[in-house]
């Protein structure tokens, strides 16, 4: 049987560890077994148990304190991840060989790991060799995505990770529960955006004709091919978390090999529900 993995990625401070903690609790409420692997060698603490922790292999502090290396925080983290890539056997032993695993990999916030360095791509290929179906879960902080030019920057980061890793990717706006009602209303237009409208919003802020042309080309590419859209993630909204999980499960085909079980009792109201319309309506909101 296949195994399943969420590769939780995104910039520093986007809420990756909080997402993992919340999603593990949500999966538990659904009676689904899931585990978390910490792949951030600079992590200080998290409020969930992990089945494997990269800090048992290497830590950023140890690298920075090594007089022969003399790395700063960023260089030290990259060194740790490259060392990790050369020691995937450690991860293989930690994961074991249990079938039907569902694992969340809590990754570092170093954005270049997902854009132009090969480490995360190598990890994906290794997981696929171990028969994992991998989905990238790219997080951005909704509090950052409140202006058009910042949104376009976030979209490009998500698109860059998608192209680099070459796996199904679900893009999520986190910390929706921290927004006030007015900000939530404003941010709705960014969930499934009209990039040409975004371009008009930024036109007055860009003086250079060359940058205006570049922005137009970027917005046109994203809009024409519908490459990037976002799902909201509010950790206080069970229904919203269900929609996020459904999108991820669909992308990795979770459950297609499970035996179908006929429900014991189905009341009349449930029979009349159109779940496609409910799901579509929630996704468009």
C-alpha atoms as a PDB file:
ATOM      1  CA  UNK A   1       0.000   0.000   0.000  1.00  0.00           C
ATOM      2  CA  UNK A   2       1.166   3.569  -0.629  1.00  0.00           C
ATOM      3  CA  UNK A   3       2.240   5.930   2.105  1.00  0.00           C
ATOM      4  CA  UNK A   4       1.251   9.584   2.284  1.00  0.00           C
ATOM      5  CA  UNK A   5       3.131  12.771   3.102  1.00  0.00           C
ATOM      6  CA  UNK A   6       2.431  16.465   3.482  1.00  0.00           C
ATOM      7  CA  UNK A   7       5.564  18.537   2.928  1.00  0.00           C
ATOM      8  CA  UNK A   8       4.722  21.649   4.957  1.00  0.00           C
ATOM      9  CA  UNK A   9       6.754  24.491   3.492  1.00  0.00           C
ATOM     10  CA  UNK A  10       6.744  28.282   3.353  1.00  0.00           C
ATOM     11  CA  UNK A  11       8.571  31.380   4.572  1.00  0.00           C
ATOM     12  CA  UNK A  12       9.703  31.794   8.166  1.00  0.00           C
ATOM     13  CA  UNK A  13       6.851  32.813  10.441  1.00  0.00           C
ATOM     14  CA  UNK A  14       4.117  31.581   8.098  1.00  0.00           C
ATOM     15  CA  UNK A  15       2.761  29.189  10.741  1.00  0.00           C
ATOM     16  CA  UNK A  16       4.131  25.805   9.663  1.00  0.00           C
ATOM     17  CA  UNK A  17       4.503  24.338  13.154  1.00  0.00           C
ATOM     18  CA  UNK A  18       1.108  25.696  14.202  1.00  0.00           C
ATOM     19  CA  UNK A  19      -0.411  24.179  11.070  1.00  0.00           C
ATOM     20  CA  UNK A  20       1.136  20.784  11.876  1.00  0.00           C
ATOM     21  CA  UNK A  21      -0.098  20.916  15.462  1.00  0.00           C
ATOM     22  CA  UNK A  22      -3.624  21.910  14.417  1.00  0.00           C
ATOM     23  CA  UNK A  23      -3.826  19.393  11.587  1.00  0.00           C
ATOM     24  CA  UNK A  24      -2.641  16.536  13.809  1.00  0.00           C
ATOM     25  CA  UNK A  25      -5.389  17.353  16.313  1.00  0.00           C
ATOM     26  CA  UNK A  26      -7.949  17.595  13.509  1.00  0.00           C
ATOM     27  CA  UNK A  27      -6.895  14.242  12.042  1.00  0.00           C
ATOM     28  CA  UNK A  28      -7.146  12.727  15.511  1.00  0.00           C
ATOM     29  CA  UNK A  29     -10.715  14.008  15.834  1.00  0.00           C
ATOM     30  CA  UNK A  30     -11.462  12.141  12.593  1.00  0.00           C
ATOM     31  CA  UNK A  31      -9.942   8.937  14.040  1.00  0.00           C
ATOM     32  CA  UNK A  32      -7.124   9.109  11.505  1.00  0.00           C
ATOM     33  CA  UNK A  33      -3.593   8.220  12.509  1.00  0.00           C
ATOM     34  CA  UNK A  34      -0.877  10.712  11.531  1.00  0.00           C
ATOM     35  CA  UNK A  35       2.648  11.568  12.614  1.00  0.00           C
ATOM     36  CA  UNK A  36       4.909  14.617  12.408  1.00  0.00           C
ATOM     37  CA  UNK A  37       8.582  14.706  11.445  1.00  0.00           C
ATOM     38  CA  UNK A  38      10.525  17.845  12.371  1.00  0.00           C
ATOM     39  CA  UNK A  39      12.976  18.799   9.622  1.00  0.00           C
ATOM     40  CA  UNK A  40      13.908  22.211  11.015  1.00  0.00           C
ATOM     41  CA  UNK A  41      17.365  21.992  12.628  1.00  0.00           C
ATOM     42  CA  UNK A  42      16.826  25.446  14.152  1.00  0.00           C
ATOM     43  CA  UNK A  43      13.484  24.656  15.821  1.00  0.00           C
ATOM     44  CA  UNK A  44      13.310  25.577  19.488  1.00  0.00           C
ATOM     45  CA  UNK A  45      10.036  23.999  20.594  1.00  0.00           C
ATOM     46  CA  UNK A  46       6.728  22.636  19.318  1.00  0.00           C
ATOM     47  CA  UNK A  47       3.631  21.430  21.117  1.00  0.00           C
ATOM     48  CA  UNK A  48       3.197  18.059  19.453  1.00  0.00           C
ATOM     49  CA  UNK A  49       5.068  14.744  19.655  1.00  0.00           C
ATOM     50  CA  UNK A  50       7.340  13.901  16.726  1.00  0.00           C
ATOM     51  CA  UNK A  51       8.258  10.493  15.353  1.00  0.00           C
ATOM     52  CA  UNK A  52      11.616  11.864  14.157  1.00  0.00           C
ATOM     53  CA  UNK A  53      13.539  15.068  14.846  1.00  0.00           C
ATOM     54  CA  UNK A  54      16.385  16.254  12.608  1.00  0.00           C
ATOM     55  CA  UNK A  55      18.021  17.840  15.656  1.00  0.00           C
ATOM     56  CA  UNK A  56      18.980  14.327  16.719  1.00  0.00           C
ATOM     57  CA  UNK A  57      21.113  14.253  13.548  1.00  0.00           C
ATOM     58  CA  UNK A  58      22.381  17.834  13.400  1.00  0.00           C
ATOM     59  CA  UNK A  59      21.577  21.232  14.941  1.00  0.00           C
ATOM     60  CA  UNK A  60      22.169  24.751  13.662  1.00  0.00           C
ATOM     61  CA  UNK A  61      23.700  25.875  16.957  1.00  0.00           C
ATOM     62  CA  UNK A  62      26.350  23.149  16.761  1.00  0.00           C
ATOM     63  CA  UNK A  63      27.233  24.155  13.201  1.00  0.00           C
ATOM     64  CA  UNK A  64      27.483  27.842  14.091  1.00  0.00           C
ATOM     65  CA  UNK A  65      29.712  27.082  17.089  1.00  0.00           C
ATOM     66  CA  UNK A  66      32.108  24.965  15.019  1.00  0.00           C
ATOM     67  CA  UNK A  67      35.244  27.136  14.551  1.00  0.00           C
ATOM     68  CA  UNK A  68      36.197  25.289  11.384  1.00  0.00           C
ATOM     69  CA  UNK A  69      32.918  26.205   9.659  1.00  0.00           C
ATOM     70  CA  UNK A  70      32.199  29.727  10.936  1.00  0.00           C
ATOM     71  CA  UNK A  71      28.670  29.865   9.514  1.00  0.00           C
ATOM     72  CA  UNK A  72      25.990  32.362  10.426  1.00  0.00           C
ATOM     73  CA  UNK A  73      22.336  31.359  10.970  1.00  0.00           C
ATOM     74  CA  UNK A  74      21.396  31.161   7.276  1.00  0.00           C
ATOM     75  CA  UNK A  75      24.565  29.425   6.124  1.00  0.00           C
ATOM     76  CA  UNK A  76      24.353  27.086   9.098  1.00  0.00           C
ATOM     77  CA  UNK A  77      20.804  26.050   8.236  1.00  0.00           C
ATOM     78  CA  UNK A  78      21.706  25.378   4.601  1.00  0.00           C
ATOM     79  CA  UNK A  79      24.713  23.333   5.750  1.00  0.00           C
ATOM     80  CA  UNK A  80      22.443  21.295   8.066  1.00  0.00           C
ATOM     81  CA  UNK A  81      19.997  20.533   5.258  1.00  0.00           C
ATOM     82  CA  UNK A  82      22.778  19.514   2.880  1.00  0.00           C
ATOM     83  CA  UNK A  83      24.168  17.248   5.597  1.00  0.00           C
ATOM     84  CA  UNK A  84      20.677  15.830   6.026  1.00  0.00           C
ATOM     85  CA  UNK A  85      20.456  15.174   2.265  1.00  0.00           C
ATOM     86  CA  UNK A  86      23.628  13.090   2.532  1.00  0.00           C
ATOM     87  CA  UNK A  87      22.167  11.089   5.420  1.00  0.00           C
ATOM     88  CA  UNK A  88      18.686  10.097   4.254  1.00  0.00           C
ATOM     89  CA  UNK A  89      19.351   6.664   5.774  1.00  0.00           C
ATOM     90  CA  UNK A  90      18.726   8.259   9.175  1.00  0.00           C
ATOM     91  CA  UNK A  91      15.280   9.368   8.028  1.00  0.00           C
ATOM     92  CA  UNK A  92      14.534   5.979   6.491  1.00  0.00           C
ATOM     93  CA  UNK A  93      15.323   4.223   9.768  1.00  0.00           C
ATOM     94  CA  UNK A  94      13.203   6.724  11.716  1.00  0.00           C
ATOM     95  CA  UNK A  95      10.202   6.301   9.417  1.00  0.00           C
ATOM     96  CA  UNK A  96      10.355   2.518   9.430  1.00  0.00           C
ATOM     97  CA  UNK A  97       8.361   0.458   6.960  1.00  0.00           C
ATOM     98  CA  UNK A  98       4.807   0.656   8.264  1.00  0.00           C
ATOM     99  CA  UNK A  99       2.229   0.682   5.472  1.00  0.00           C
ATOM    100  CA  UNK A 100      -0.443   3.366   5.153  1.00  0.00           C
ATOM    101  CA  UNK A 101       1.613   6.002   6.972  1.00  0.00           C
ATOM    102  CA  UNK A 102       0.325   9.574   6.912  1.00  0.00           C
ATOM    103  CA  UNK A 103       3.156  11.918   7.843  1.00  0.00           C
ATOM    104  CA  UNK A 104       3.494  15.697   8.039  1.00  0.00           C
ATOM    105  CA  UNK A 105       7.022  16.985   7.467  1.00  0.00           C
ATOM    106  CA  UNK A 106       7.530  20.291   9.290  1.00  0.00           C
ATOM    107  CA  UNK A 107      10.188  21.976   7.142  1.00  0.00           C
ATOM    108  CA  UNK A 108      12.509  24.972   7.693  1.00  0.00           C
ATOM    109  CA  UNK A 109      11.499  28.486   6.680  1.00  0.00           C
ATOM    110  CA  UNK A 110      14.536  29.110   4.475  1.00  0.00           C
ATOM    111  CA  UNK A 111      12.781  30.057   1.234  1.00  0.00           C
ATOM    112  CA  UNK A 112      15.756  29.248  -1.009  1.00  0.00           C
ATOM    113  CA  UNK A 113      15.419  25.588  -0.009  1.00  0.00           C
ATOM    114  CA  UNK A 114      12.230  25.484  -2.099  1.00  0.00           C
ATOM    115  CA  UNK A 115      13.291  27.738  -4.948  1.00  0.00           C
ATOM    116  CA  UNK A 116      16.821  27.063  -6.222  1.00  0.00           C
ATOM    117  CA  UNK A 117      18.654  24.711  -3.838  1.00  0.00           C
ATOM    118  CA  UNK A 118      18.266  20.975  -4.594  1.00  0.00           C
ATOM    119  CA  UNK A 119      17.835  19.691  -1.034  1.00  0.00           C
ATOM    120  CA  UNK A 120      14.035  19.587  -0.857  1.00  0.00           C
ATOM    121  CA  UNK A 121      13.756  18.200  -4.376  1.00  0.00           C
ATOM    122  CA  UNK A 122      16.127  15.401  -3.332  1.00  0.00           C
ATOM    123  CA  UNK A 123      13.954  14.752  -0.279  1.00  0.00           C
ATOM    124  CA  UNK A 124      10.844  14.494  -2.447  1.00  0.00           C
ATOM    125  CA  UNK A 125      12.544  12.020  -4.781  1.00  0.00           C
ATOM    126  CA  UNK A 126      13.711   9.937  -1.820  1.00  0.00           C
ATOM    127  CA  UNK A 127      10.232   9.851  -0.295  1.00  0.00           C
ATOM    128  CA  UNK A 128       8.794   8.798  -3.638  1.00  0.00           C
ATOM    129  CA  UNK A 129      11.307   5.944  -3.769  1.00  0.00           C
ATOM    130  CA  UNK A 130       9.959   4.885  -0.384  1.00  0.00           C
ATOM    131  CA  UNK A 131       6.469   4.781  -1.985  1.00  0.00           C
ATOM    132  CA  UNK A 132       5.221   8.019  -0.451  1.00  0.00           C
ATOM    133  CA  UNK A 133       2.663  10.088  -2.311  1.00  0.00           C
ATOM    134  CA  UNK A 134       3.822  13.615  -1.539  1.00  0.00           C
ATOM    135  CA  UNK A 135       1.849  16.858  -1.526  1.00  0.00           C
ATOM    136  CA  UNK A 136       3.467  20.228  -0.958  1.00  0.00           C
ATOM    137  CA  UNK A 137       1.533  22.454   1.459  1.00  0.00           C
ATOM    138  CA  UNK A 138       2.803  25.986   0.887  1.00  0.00           C
ATOM    139  CA  UNK A 139       1.856  28.426   3.649  1.00  0.00           C
ATOM    140  CA  UNK A 140       1.767  32.209   3.559  1.00  0.00           C
ATOM    141  CA  UNK A 141       0.753  34.516   6.384  1.00  0.00           C
ATOM    142  CA  UNK A 142      -2.600  36.121   5.563  1.00  0.00           C
ATOM    143  CA  UNK A 143      -1.518  39.202   7.527  1.00  0.00           C
ATOM    144  CA  UNK A 144       1.249  39.691   4.957  1.00  0.00           C
ATOM    145  CA  UNK A 145      -1.031  39.305   1.928  1.00  0.00           C
ATOM    146  CA  UNK A 146      -3.054  42.465   2.432  1.00  0.00           C
ATOM    147  CA  UNK A 147      -1.676  44.530  -0.448  1.00  0.00           C
ATOM    148  CA  UNK A 148      -1.559  43.651  -4.120  1.00  0.00           C
ATOM    149  CA  UNK A 149       2.203  43.904  -4.597  1.00  0.00           C
ATOM    150  CA  UNK A 150       2.834  41.757  -1.499  1.00  0.00           C
ATOM    151  CA  UNK A 151       0.296  39.249  -2.753  1.00  0.00           C
ATOM    152  CA  UNK A 152       2.031  39.014  -6.139  1.00  0.00           C
ATOM    153  CA  UNK A 153       5.328  38.402  -4.314  1.00  0.00           C
ATOM    154  CA  UNK A 154       3.721  35.600  -2.293  1.00  0.00           C
ATOM    155  CA  UNK A 155       2.219  34.074  -5.429  1.00  0.00           C
ATOM    156  CA  UNK A 156       5.608  34.031  -7.138  1.00  0.00           C
ATOM    157  CA  UNK A 157       7.191  32.329  -4.125  1.00  0.00           C
ATOM    158  CA  UNK A 158       4.459  29.662  -4.185  1.00  0.00           C
ATOM    159  CA  UNK A 159       4.825  29.217  -7.936  1.00  0.00           C
ATOM    160  CA  UNK A 160       8.609  28.946  -7.660  1.00  0.00           C
ATOM    161  CA  UNK A 161       8.285  26.155  -5.073  1.00  0.00           C
ATOM    162  CA  UNK A 162       5.707  24.387  -7.224  1.00  0.00           C
ATOM    163  CA  UNK A 163       7.977  24.445 -10.284  1.00  0.00           C
ATOM    164  CA  UNK A 164      11.065  23.435  -8.292  1.00  0.00           C
ATOM    165  CA  UNK A 165       9.570  20.495  -6.382  1.00  0.00           C
ATOM    166  CA  UNK A 166       7.333  19.156  -9.191  1.00  0.00           C
ATOM    167  CA  UNK A 167       4.686  17.741  -6.863  1.00  0.00           C
ATOM    168  CA  UNK A 168       1.006  18.554  -6.272  1.00  0.00           C
ATOM    169  CA  UNK A 169       0.835  21.686  -4.173  1.00  0.00           C
ATOM    170  CA  UNK A 170      -1.922  23.214  -2.055  1.00  0.00           C
ATOM    171  CA  UNK A 171      -1.395  26.891  -1.215  1.00  0.00           C
ATOM    172  CA  UNK A 172      -2.815  28.075   2.092  1.00  0.00           C
ATOM    173  CA  UNK A 173      -3.309  31.437   3.762  1.00  0.00           C
ATOM    174  CA  UNK A 174      -2.722  30.882   7.455  1.00  0.00           C
ATOM    175  CA  UNK A 175      -3.644  32.849  10.583  1.00  0.00           C
ATOM    176  CA  UNK A 176      -7.077  33.769   9.241  1.00  0.00           C
ATOM    177  CA  UNK A 177      -8.328  33.566  12.830  1.00  0.00           C
ATOM    178  CA  UNK A 178      -6.085  36.527  13.716  1.00  0.00           C
ATOM    179  CA  UNK A 179      -7.668  38.877  11.169  1.00  0.00           C
ATOM    180  CA  UNK A 180     -10.398  41.311  12.142  1.00  0.00           C
ATOM    181  CA  UNK A 181     -13.710  41.107  10.239  1.00  0.00           C
ATOM    182  CA  UNK A 182     -12.772  43.992   7.922  1.00  0.00           C
ATOM    183  CA  UNK A 183      -9.423  42.418   7.011  1.00  0.00           C
ATOM    184  CA  UNK A 184     -11.111  39.045   6.394  1.00  0.00           C
ATOM    185  CA  UNK A 185     -13.487  40.731   3.974  1.00  0.00           C
ATOM    186  CA  UNK A 186     -10.622  42.471   2.193  1.00  0.00           C
ATOM    187  CA  UNK A 187      -8.558  39.325   1.844  1.00  0.00           C
ATOM    188  CA  UNK A 188     -11.313  37.298   0.186  1.00  0.00           C
ATOM    189  CA  UNK A 189     -10.326  38.724  -3.207  1.00  0.00           C
ATOM    190  CA  UNK A 190      -6.881  37.169  -2.823  1.00  0.00           C
ATOM    191  CA  UNK A 191      -8.102  33.590  -2.307  1.00  0.00           C
ATOM    192  CA  UNK A 192      -9.044  33.070  -5.954  1.00  0.00           C
ATOM    193  CA  UNK A 193      -7.625  36.249  -7.442  1.00  0.00           C
ATOM    194  CA  UNK A 194      -8.216  38.146 -10.655  1.00  0.00           C
ATOM    195  CA  UNK A 195      -4.612  38.957 -11.494  1.00  0.00           C
ATOM    196  CA  UNK A 196      -5.521  41.616 -14.032  1.00  0.00           C
ATOM    197  CA  UNK A 197      -7.349  43.509 -11.279  1.00  0.00           C
ATOM    198  CA  UNK A 198      -4.257  43.116  -9.104  1.00  0.00           C
ATOM    199  CA  UNK A 199      -2.208  44.638 -11.895  1.00  0.00           C
ATOM    200  CA  UNK A 200      -4.493  47.676 -12.020  1.00  0.00           C
ATOM    201  CA  UNK A 201      -4.185  48.076  -8.251  1.00  0.00           C
ATOM    202  CA  UNK A 202      -0.387  48.225  -8.464  1.00  0.00           C
ATOM    203  CA  UNK A 203      -0.167  50.400 -11.565  1.00  0.00           C
ATOM    204  CA  UNK A 204       0.004  53.713  -9.664  1.00  0.00           C
ATOM    205  CA  UNK A 205       2.738  52.395  -7.333  1.00  0.00           C
ATOM    206  CA  UNK A 206       5.106  51.407 -10.143  1.00  0.00           C
ATOM    207  CA  UNK A 207       6.896  54.269 -11.889  1.00  0.00           C
ATOM    208  CA  UNK A 208       9.211  52.296 -14.147  1.00  0.00           C
ATOM    209  CA  UNK A 209       7.694  51.268 -17.489  1.00  0.00           C
ATOM    210  CA  UNK A 210       9.880  48.140 -17.534  1.00  0.00           C
ATOM    211  CA  UNK A 211       8.578  47.019 -14.132  1.00  0.00           C
ATOM    212  CA  UNK A 212       5.017  47.723 -15.237  1.00  0.00           C
ATOM    213  CA  UNK A 213       5.551  45.472 -18.258  1.00  0.00           C
ATOM    214  CA  UNK A 214       7.122  42.772 -16.090  1.00  0.00           C
ATOM    215  CA  UNK A 215       4.254  42.942 -13.591  1.00  0.00           C
ATOM    216  CA  UNK A 216       1.742  42.702 -16.428  1.00  0.00           C
ATOM    217  CA  UNK A 217       3.509  39.648 -17.854  1.00  0.00           C
ATOM    218  CA  UNK A 218       3.636  37.924 -14.444  1.00  0.00           C
ATOM    219  CA  UNK A 219      -0.013  38.638 -13.687  1.00  0.00           C
ATOM    220  CA  UNK A 220      -1.051  37.484 -17.150  1.00  0.00           C
ATOM    221  CA  UNK A 221       0.872  34.212 -16.821  1.00  0.00           C
ATOM    222  CA  UNK A 222      -0.666  33.400 -13.441  1.00  0.00           C
ATOM    223  CA  UNK A 223      -4.183  34.390 -14.454  1.00  0.00           C
ATOM    224  CA  UNK A 224      -4.249  32.775 -17.893  1.00  0.00           C
ATOM    225  CA  UNK A 225      -3.103  29.386 -16.637  1.00  0.00           C
ATOM    226  CA  UNK A 226      -4.858  29.489 -13.236  1.00  0.00           C
ATOM    227  CA  UNK A 227      -1.611  28.351 -11.657  1.00  0.00           C
ATOM    228  CA  UNK A 228      -2.063  29.595  -8.105  1.00  0.00           C
ATOM    229  CA  UNK A 229      -5.035  29.915  -5.791  1.00  0.00           C
ATOM    230  CA  UNK A 230      -5.221  29.886  -2.015  1.00  0.00           C
ATOM    231  CA  UNK A 231      -7.342  28.182   0.612  1.00  0.00           C
ATOM    232  CA  UNK A 232      -8.003  29.946   3.932  1.00  0.00           C
ATOM    233  CA  UNK A 233      -6.828  28.228   7.108  1.00  0.00           C
ATOM    234  CA  UNK A 234      -8.533  29.216  10.337  1.00  0.00           C
ATOM    235  CA  UNK A 235      -7.599  26.847  13.136  1.00  0.00           C
ATOM    236  CA  UNK A 236     -10.877  27.607  14.908  1.00  0.00           C
ATOM    237  CA  UNK A 237     -12.977  26.579  11.877  1.00  0.00           C
ATOM    238  CA  UNK A 238     -13.448  22.803  11.671  1.00  0.00           C
ATOM    239  CA  UNK A 239     -15.311  23.009   8.365  1.00  0.00           C
ATOM    240  CA  UNK A 240     -12.558  25.101   6.806  1.00  0.00           C
ATOM    241  CA  UNK A 241      -9.900  22.643   7.986  1.00  0.00           C
ATOM    242  CA  UNK A 242     -11.948  19.818   6.471  1.00  0.00           C
ATOM    243  CA  UNK A 243     -11.892  21.554   3.093  1.00  0.00           C
ATOM    244  CA  UNK A 244      -8.120  22.016   3.294  1.00  0.00           C
ATOM    245  CA  UNK A 245      -7.679  18.351   4.206  1.00  0.00           C
ATOM    246  CA  UNK A 246     -10.010  17.219   1.417  1.00  0.00           C
ATOM    247  CA  UNK A 247      -7.970  19.131  -1.146  1.00  0.00           C
ATOM    248  CA  UNK A 248      -4.723  17.634   0.136  1.00  0.00           C
ATOM    249  CA  UNK A 249      -6.135  14.094   0.304  1.00  0.00           C
ATOM    250  CA  UNK A 250      -7.495  14.416  -3.217  1.00  0.00           C
ATOM    251  CA  UNK A 251      -4.107  15.540  -4.567  1.00  0.00           C
ATOM    252  CA  UNK A 252      -2.361  12.458  -3.131  1.00  0.00           C
ATOM    253  CA  UNK A 253      -5.341  10.142  -3.721  1.00  0.00           C
ATOM    254  CA  UNK A 254      -5.595   9.269  -0.060  1.00  0.00           C
ATOM    255  CA  UNK A 255      -8.107   6.553   0.684  1.00  0.00           C
ATOM    256  CA  UNK A 256      -8.525   5.183  -2.821  1.00  0.00           C
ATOM    257  CA  UNK A 257      -7.071   1.862  -1.696  1.00  0.00           C
ATOM    258  CA  UNK A 258      -9.181   1.679   1.463  1.00  0.00           C
ATOM    259  CA  UNK A 259     -12.084  -0.732   1.633  1.00  0.00           C
ATOM    260  CA  UNK A 260     -15.437   0.972   1.164  1.00  0.00           C
ATOM    261  CA  UNK A 261     -17.799   0.552   4.102  1.00  0.00           C
ATOM    262  CA  UNK A 262     -21.544   1.004   3.776  1.00  0.00           C
ATOM    263  CA  UNK A 263     -22.821   3.460   6.409  1.00  0.00           C
ATOM    264  CA  UNK A 264     -25.039   1.793   8.976  1.00  0.00           C
ATOM    265  CA  UNK A 265     -27.649   4.527   9.109  1.00  0.00           C
ATOM    266  CA  UNK A 266     -28.313   7.422   6.763  1.00  0.00           C
ATOM    267  CA  UNK A 267     -31.082   9.797   7.736  1.00  0.00           C
ATOM    268  CA  UNK A 268     -33.331  11.388   5.159  1.00  0.00           C
ATOM    269  CA  UNK A 269     -31.788  14.834   5.522  1.00  0.00           C
ATOM    270  CA  UNK A 270     -28.298  13.499   4.813  1.00  0.00           C
ATOM    271  CA  UNK A 271     -29.523  11.690   1.707  1.00  0.00           C
ATOM    272  CA  UNK A 272     -30.848  14.940   0.262  1.00  0.00           C
ATOM    273  CA  UNK A 273     -27.658  16.920   0.821  1.00  0.00           C
ATOM    274  CA  UNK A 274     -25.698  17.855  -2.287  1.00  0.00           C
ATOM    275  CA  UNK A 275     -22.140  17.720  -1.038  1.00  0.00           C
ATOM    276  CA  UNK A 276     -20.709  18.940  -4.336  1.00  0.00           C
ATOM    277  CA  UNK A 277     -22.688  22.169  -4.043  1.00  0.00           C
ATOM    278  CA  UNK A 278     -21.715  22.596  -0.377  1.00  0.00           C
ATOM    279  CA  UNK A 279     -18.028  22.034  -1.126  1.00  0.00           C
ATOM    280  CA  UNK A 280     -18.083  24.299  -4.191  1.00  0.00           C
ATOM    281  CA  UNK A 281     -19.871  27.037  -2.302  1.00  0.00           C
ATOM    282  CA  UNK A 282     -17.362  26.939   0.540  1.00  0.00           C
ATOM    283  CA  UNK A 283     -14.415  26.971  -1.865  1.00  0.00           C
ATOM    284  CA  UNK A 284     -15.781  30.057  -3.694  1.00  0.00           C
ATOM    285  CA  UNK A 285     -16.393  32.030  -0.482  1.00  0.00           C
END
